[in-house]
Amino acid sequence: MQLRRNPKKGKGGFDTFKGILGRYVEMILERRIKDIVAECLSVDPDGVYPDASFESLGADYLDMVGLFISLEEEFGIDISERDANRLKTVKDVTWYIRCILESRALKNMKREGDAHDL
């Protein structure tokens, strides 16, 4: 595959590569979350789509507790009860986890950059 300059960004092939890589990572994250949701709620993975609400997937309170525990363990994160109450769809959860992981990665990059400055 040849990377071409993106005329809108003007920075060349590397931006295109970052975009492709970012989308690939996002697809992997979406797939893993979908699999966890399907497993925890005992539903067919093909029925778990981004806009699906947990209510429409038949989740009750205990199912949601189990789902959030599984997600916390899988991604090494903590989901507060307050945040959990706001997450109503698969897309909400995917966005939430992606934001946490991106924030963590940026903090790690900053720390590594600070260490190189010493």
Protein backbone atom coordinates (compact mmCIF):
# COMPACT_ATOMS: atom_id res chain seq x y z
CA MET A 1 0.00 0.00 0.00
CA GLN A 2 1.36 3.39 -0.95
CA LEU A 3 0.76 6.29 1.41
CA ARG A 4 -0.17 9.51 -0.32
CA ARG A 5 -0.11 13.08 0.83
CA ASN A 6 -3.41 14.18 2.29
CA PRO A 7 -4.08 17.57 0.68
CA LYS A 8 -6.33 18.65 3.54
CA LYS A 9 -3.72 18.02 6.22
CA GLY A 10 -0.68 18.94 4.18
CA LYS A 11 1.73 16.87 6.27
CA GLY A 12 2.13 13.93 3.97
CA GLY A 13 1.95 10.19 4.32
CA PHE A 14 2.59 10.00 8.04
CA ASP A 15 -0.79 11.56 8.86
CA THR A 16 -2.45 9.04 6.59
CA PHE A 17 -0.57 6.24 8.35
CA LYS A 18 -1.56 7.56 11.80
CA GLY A 19 -5.17 7.73 10.66
CA ILE A 20 -5.11 4.15 9.38
CA LEU A 21 -3.36 2.89 12.51
CA GLY A 22 -5.75 4.78 14.78
CA ARG A 23 -8.78 3.36 12.99
CA TYR A 24 -7.33 -0.16 13.19
CA VAL A 25 -6.78 0.16 16.94
CA GLU A 26 -10.30 1.54 17.33
CA MET A 27 -11.74 -1.41 15.39
CA ILE A 28 -9.89 -3.86 17.65
CA LEU A 29 -11.19 -2.05 20.75
CA GLU A 30 -14.76 -2.03 19.39
CA ARG A 31 -14.56 -5.75 18.60
CA ARG A 32 -13.23 -6.66 22.04
CA ILE A 33 -15.92 -4.62 23.79
CA LYS A 34 -18.58 -6.20 21.59
CA ASP A 35 -17.31 -9.67 22.50
CA ILE A 36 -17.30 -8.87 26.23
CA VAL A 37 -20.82 -7.43 26.04
CA ALA A 38 -22.07 -10.50 24.16
CA GLU A 39 -20.43 -12.87 26.63
CA CYS A 40 -21.60 -11.05 29.78
CA LEU A 41 -25.16 -10.59 28.55
CA SER A 42 -25.38 -14.02 26.88
CA VAL A 43 -26.41 -12.58 23.53
CA ASP A 44 -25.31 -13.25 19.96
CA PRO A 45 -22.35 -10.99 19.08
CA ASP A 46 -24.03 -10.20 15.74
CA GLY A 47 -26.85 -8.52 17.69
CA VAL A 48 -24.43 -6.23 19.53
CA TYR A 49 -24.15 -3.09 17.45
CA PRO A 50 -22.82 0.33 18.52
CA ASP A 51 -26.19 2.00 19.08
CA ALA A 52 -27.64 -0.97 20.96
CA SER A 53 -28.74 -0.02 24.44
CA PHE A 54 -28.01 -2.43 27.22
CA GLU A 55 -31.70 -2.40 28.01
CA SER A 56 -32.51 -3.55 24.46
CA LEU A 57 -29.98 -6.38 24.94
CA GLY A 58 -31.93 -7.53 27.99
CA ALA A 59 -29.45 -6.42 30.65
CA ASP A 60 -30.63 -6.03 34.22
CA TYR A 61 -28.76 -4.38 37.10
CA LEU A 62 -26.71 -7.47 37.98
CA ASP A 63 -25.81 -8.04 34.32
CA MET A 64 -24.50 -4.48 34.16
CA VAL A 65 -22.45 -4.90 37.32
CA GLY A 66 -20.87 -8.04 35.85
CA LEU A 67 -20.28 -6.31 32.52
CA PHE A 68 -18.52 -3.34 34.09
CA ILE A 69 -16.38 -5.61 36.26
CA SER A 70 -15.36 -7.58 33.15
CA LEU A 71 -14.53 -4.37 31.28
CA GLU A 72 -12.50 -3.05 34.22
CA GLU A 73 -10.50 -6.28 34.39
CA GLU A 74 -9.98 -6.49 30.63
CA PHE A 75 -8.75 -2.93 30.18
CA GLY A 76 -7.20 -2.27 33.59
CA ILE A 77 -9.50 0.66 34.32
CA ASP A 78 -11.90 1.77 37.04
CA ILE A 79 -15.45 2.71 36.10
CA SER A 80 -17.10 4.78 38.79
CA GLU A 81 -20.71 4.11 39.68
CA ARG A 82 -21.55 7.63 38.53
CA ASP A 83 -19.99 7.02 35.11
CA ALA A 84 -21.50 3.54 34.84
CA ASN A 85 -24.98 5.01 35.30
CA ARG A 86 -24.38 7.30 32.31
CA LEU A 87 -23.23 4.57 29.93
CA LYS A 88 -26.38 3.43 28.15
CA THR A 89 -25.15 2.01 24.83
CA VAL A 90 -22.27 -0.03 23.46
CA LYS A 91 -21.06 3.14 21.70
CA ASP A 92 -21.05 5.02 25.04
CA VAL A 93 -18.87 2.34 26.61
CA THR A 94 -16.52 2.22 23.63
CA TRP A 95 -16.08 6.00 23.67
CA TYR A 96 -15.57 6.02 27.45
CA ILE A 97 -12.92 3.30 27.42
CA ARG A 98 -11.16 4.80 24.40
CA CYS A 99 -10.93 8.16 26.17
CA ILE A 100 -9.47 6.58 29.30
CA LEU A 101 -6.90 4.58 27.32
CA GLU A 102 -5.92 7.57 25.17
CA SER A 103 -5.54 9.76 28.25
CA ARG A 104 -3.37 7.13 29.90
CA ALA A 105 -1.22 6.80 26.78
CA LEU A 106 -0.72 10.57 26.54
CA LYS A 107 0.29 10.75 30.21
CA ASN A 108 2.80 7.94 29.67
CA MET A 109 4.22 9.65 26.59
CA LYS A 110 4.59 12.90 28.52
CA ARG A 111 6.36 11.11 31.37
CA GLU A 112 8.71 9.41 28.93
CA GLY A 113 9.39 12.76 27.25
CA ASP A 114 10.12 14.36 30.61
CA ALA A 115 12.52 11.53 31.46
CA HIS A 116 14.41 12.10 28.20
CA ASP A 117 14.81 15.80 29.06
CA LEU A 118 16.82 14.97 32.19
